[in-house]
């Protein structure tokens, strides 16, 4: 019975996702010139200490997720000042084209801190049932690639500094998850600061 319920839940999730029009990756490559300063020439960012945030890697990120986040920045739902300014003039077509371009780029990244791998791996793969913390693999997959049709992002090879900042933002309520993915706030709020750091480091090393 539990497998039937899980299957029914997955079908409901898929049916709730609106039709997604694929963008033009070639057109997106030209439009992405404005993104190089923060996200790098191919979507693999370099950490810029002077900025009050760490630009994320967006190479190989799911196109549905990228387009959705650009829309949130344009609408002011996500409030990063750099991204709000960049997204303000984007049309829906621009968002789809940029999403198509970055989703096709090869992803690179840094390695995990070996000292943090045991704790991060345990939480990522098994969660903590005693505190009602599910395994991250349920939404983000065993290798961190995510499930784009459900708008669960890829987290593999992401900068640990960026992931940590986002977990803190989810926990505080500063960052609102996409509709249907509200569990991120609830899960993040149950994590300690050390657990957030361990998880962030662990996913940085996923390939």
Protein backbone atom coordinates (compact mmCIF):
# COMPACT_ATOMS: atom_id res chain seq x y z
CA UNK A 1 0.00 0.00 0.00
CA UNK A 2 2.76 2.48 0.89
CA UNK A 3 4.27 2.00 -2.58
CA UNK A 4 0.92 2.73 -4.22
CA UNK A 5 0.58 5.89 -2.13
CA UNK A 6 4.11 6.97 -3.06
CA UNK A 7 3.37 6.40 -6.74
CA UNK A 8 0.14 8.36 -6.47
CA UNK A 9 2.03 11.22 -4.82
CA UNK A 10 4.58 11.27 -7.64
CA UNK A 11 1.84 11.36 -10.27
CA UNK A 12 0.16 14.25 -8.45
CA UNK A 13 3.44 16.14 -8.37
CA UNK A 14 4.05 15.64 -12.07
CA UNK A 15 0.52 16.67 -12.99
CA UNK A 16 0.89 19.84 -10.91
CA UNK A 17 3.92 21.03 -12.89
CA UNK A 18 2.81 23.33 -15.73
CA UNK A 19 3.91 22.64 -19.30
CA UNK A 20 7.46 23.86 -19.84
CA UNK A 21 8.50 25.43 -23.13
CA UNK A 22 12.14 24.73 -23.91
CA UNK A 23 14.31 27.75 -24.64
CA UNK A 24 16.95 28.27 -27.30
CA UNK A 25 20.39 27.43 -25.91
CA UNK A 26 22.22 29.25 -28.70
CA UNK A 27 20.27 32.44 -28.08
CA UNK A 28 20.82 31.95 -24.36
CA UNK A 29 24.59 31.80 -24.85
CA UNK A 30 24.55 35.32 -26.29
CA UNK A 31 22.31 36.61 -23.53
CA UNK A 32 24.50 34.96 -20.88
CA UNK A 33 27.34 37.40 -21.53
CA UNK A 34 25.80 39.62 -18.86
CA UNK A 35 26.01 36.75 -16.35
CA UNK A 36 29.74 36.06 -16.69
CA UNK A 37 30.84 38.46 -13.96
CA UNK A 38 29.19 36.38 -11.23
CA UNK A 39 28.50 32.97 -12.71
CA UNK A 40 31.51 32.53 -14.97
CA UNK A 41 31.69 32.03 -18.70
CA UNK A 42 30.05 28.61 -18.55
CA UNK A 43 27.99 28.76 -15.38
CA UNK A 44 30.79 27.67 -13.04
CA UNK A 45 31.26 30.63 -10.74
CA UNK A 46 34.32 31.74 -8.89
CA UNK A 47 33.85 32.86 -5.31
CA UNK A 48 34.14 36.63 -5.08
CA UNK A 49 34.93 37.58 -1.47
CA UNK A 50 33.98 41.24 -1.97
CA UNK A 51 30.38 40.34 -2.69
CA UNK A 52 27.92 39.94 0.19
CA UNK A 53 26.91 36.58 -1.25
CA UNK A 54 28.52 33.68 -3.08
CA UNK A 55 27.35 33.34 -6.70
CA UNK A 56 26.25 29.74 -7.24
CA UNK A 57 27.31 27.31 -9.91
CA UNK A 58 24.41 27.10 -12.36
CA UNK A 59 26.04 24.92 -15.02
CA UNK A 60 24.01 21.72 -15.61
CA UNK A 61 21.23 23.02 -13.36
CA UNK A 62 17.74 21.95 -14.45
CA UNK A 63 16.21 24.40 -16.96
CA UNK A 64 12.81 24.38 -15.27
CA UNK A 65 14.42 25.32 -11.96
CA UNK A 66 16.62 28.05 -13.49
CA UNK A 67 13.68 29.69 -15.25
CA UNK A 68 11.57 29.50 -12.10
CA UNK A 69 14.26 31.20 -10.00
CA UNK A 70 14.78 33.97 -12.56
CA UNK A 71 11.04 34.63 -12.42
CA UNK A 72 11.14 34.81 -8.61
CA UNK A 73 13.99 37.32 -8.74
CA UNK A 74 12.15 39.44 -11.32
CA UNK A 75 9.02 39.42 -9.15
CA UNK A 76 10.99 40.29 -6.01
CA UNK A 77 10.07 37.07 -4.23
CA UNK A 78 13.77 36.28 -3.96
CA UNK A 79 15.47 39.47 -2.86
CA UNK A 80 19.15 39.27 -3.77
CA UNK A 81 19.89 42.82 -5.02
CA UNK A 82 22.30 41.70 -7.73
CA UNK A 83 19.94 39.13 -9.21
CA UNK A 84 16.86 41.34 -8.87
CA UNK A 85 18.59 43.99 -10.95
CA UNK A 86 19.77 41.46 -13.52
CA UNK A 87 16.38 39.80 -13.85
CA UNK A 88 14.31 43.00 -13.96
CA UNK A 89 14.53 43.41 -17.73
CA UNK A 90 14.31 39.74 -18.67
CA UNK A 91 11.37 38.56 -20.74
CA UNK A 92 9.92 35.07 -20.32
CA UNK A 93 11.72 34.13 -23.55
CA UNK A 94 15.02 35.42 -22.14
CA UNK A 95 14.57 33.29 -19.02
CA UNK A 96 13.89 30.16 -21.05
CA UNK A 97 16.87 30.80 -23.33
CA UNK A 98 19.23 31.40 -20.42
CA UNK A 99 17.92 28.29 -18.69
CA UNK A 100 18.49 26.23 -21.84
CA UNK A 101 22.04 27.54 -22.19
CA UNK A 102 23.22 27.02 -18.63
CA UNK A 103 21.55 23.62 -18.30
CA UNK A 104 23.74 22.29 -21.13
CA UNK A 105 27.06 23.47 -19.67
CA UNK A 106 29.55 21.07 -18.06
CA UNK A 107 29.66 21.37 -14.28
CA UNK A 108 32.87 21.56 -12.29
CA UNK A 109 33.38 22.10 -8.59
CA UNK A 110 35.52 21.92 -5.49
CA UNK A 111 35.96 18.95 -3.15
CA UNK A 112 34.34 18.30 0.21
CA UNK A 113 36.20 18.85 3.46
CA UNK A 114 37.17 15.28 4.49
CA UNK A 115 36.55 16.12 8.14
CA UNK A 116 32.92 16.99 7.39
CA UNK A 117 32.12 14.13 5.02
CA UNK A 118 30.96 11.55 7.61
CA UNK A 119 28.38 13.84 9.22
CA UNK A 120 27.30 15.35 5.90
CA UNK A 121 27.02 12.01 4.16
CA UNK A 122 24.97 10.50 6.98
CA UNK A 123 22.45 13.33 6.91
CA UNK A 124 22.32 13.46 3.12
CA UNK A 125 21.78 9.74 2.65
CA UNK A 126 19.79 8.79 5.74
CA UNK A 127 18.49 11.98 7.36
CA UNK A 128 17.61 11.82 11.06
CA UNK A 129 14.24 10.10 11.55
CA UNK A 130 14.25 10.88 15.28
CA UNK A 131 14.04 14.59 14.44
CA UNK A 132 11.82 14.11 11.38
CA UNK A 133 14.63 15.06 9.00
CA UNK A 134 14.30 13.06 5.76
CA UNK A 135 17.25 12.01 3.64
CA UNK A 136 18.22 14.60 1.06
CA UNK A 137 18.38 11.84 -1.56
CA UNK A 138 14.58 11.75 -1.61
CA UNK A 139 14.40 15.03 -3.54
CA UNK A 140 17.94 15.72 -4.72
CA UNK A 141 18.94 12.18 -5.67
CA UNK A 142 21.87 10.01 -4.52
CA UNK A 143 24.35 12.00 -6.60
CA UNK A 144 22.73 15.42 -6.06
CA UNK A 145 21.36 15.86 -9.58
CA UNK A 146 17.86 16.77 -8.40
CA UNK A 147 14.55 16.17 -10.19
CA UNK A 148 13.95 19.09 -12.49
CA UNK A 149 10.39 18.20 -13.48
CA UNK A 150 9.49 18.54 -9.79
CA UNK A 151 11.70 21.65 -9.51
CA UNK A 152 14.07 19.97 -7.06
CA UNK A 153 17.41 21.55 -7.95
CA UNK A 154 20.74 19.92 -8.59
CA UNK A 155 22.98 20.49 -5.56
CA UNK A 156 26.06 18.53 -6.68
CA UNK A 157 29.33 20.44 -6.95
CA UNK A 158 27.67 23.53 -5.51
CA UNK A 159 29.88 25.91 -3.55
CA UNK A 160 29.64 24.98 0.13
CA UNK A 161 29.49 28.66 1.02
CA UNK A 162 26.44 29.15 -1.21
CA UNK A 163 24.61 26.05 0.04
CA UNK A 164 25.23 27.06 3.64
CA UNK A 165 23.84 30.56 3.03
CA UNK A 166 20.72 29.08 1.39
CA UNK A 167 20.10 26.61 4.22
CA UNK A 168 20.33 29.48 6.70
CA UNK A 169 17.92 31.52 4.59
CA UNK A 170 15.42 28.67 4.37
CA UNK A 171 15.65 28.05 8.13
CA UNK A 172 14.99 31.71 8.96
CA UNK A 173 12.18 32.05 6.43
CA UNK A 174 14.13 34.67 4.48
CA UNK A 175 14.04 32.45 1.41
CA UNK A 176 10.69 31.05 0.38
CA UNK A 177 10.67 27.69 -1.44
CA UNK A 178 8.80 27.10 -4.66
CA UNK A 179 5.16 26.17 -4.22
CA UNK A 180 4.94 22.48 -3.45
CA UNK A 181 8.47 22.36 -2.02
CA UNK A 182 7.70 23.95 1.35
CA UNK A 183 9.49 21.13 3.14
CA UNK A 184 12.84 22.89 2.65
CA UNK A 185 11.96 25.48 5.29
CA UNK A 186 10.82 22.83 7.73
CA UNK A 187 13.87 20.61 7.21
CA UNK A 188 16.41 23.44 7.33
CA UNK A 189 14.89 24.76 10.57
CA UNK A 190 15.65 21.43 12.25
CA UNK A 191 19.34 21.47 11.31
CA UNK A 192 22.05 22.80 13.58
CA UNK A 193 24.61 25.23 12.23
CA UNK A 194 27.27 22.49 12.23
CA UNK A 195 24.94 20.16 10.32
CA UNK A 196 24.31 22.83 7.69
CA UNK A 197 28.05 23.23 7.22
CA UNK A 198 28.60 19.48 6.99
CA UNK A 199 25.81 19.03 4.42
CA UNK A 200 27.02 21.99 2.39
CA UNK A 201 30.54 20.63 2.28
CA UNK A 202 29.36 17.14 1.39
CA UNK A 203 27.28 18.22 -1.62
CA UNK A 204 30.19 20.34 -2.85
CA UNK A 205 32.06 17.09 -3.36
CA UNK A 206 29.24 15.23 -5.13
CA UNK A 207 29.74 14.55 -8.83
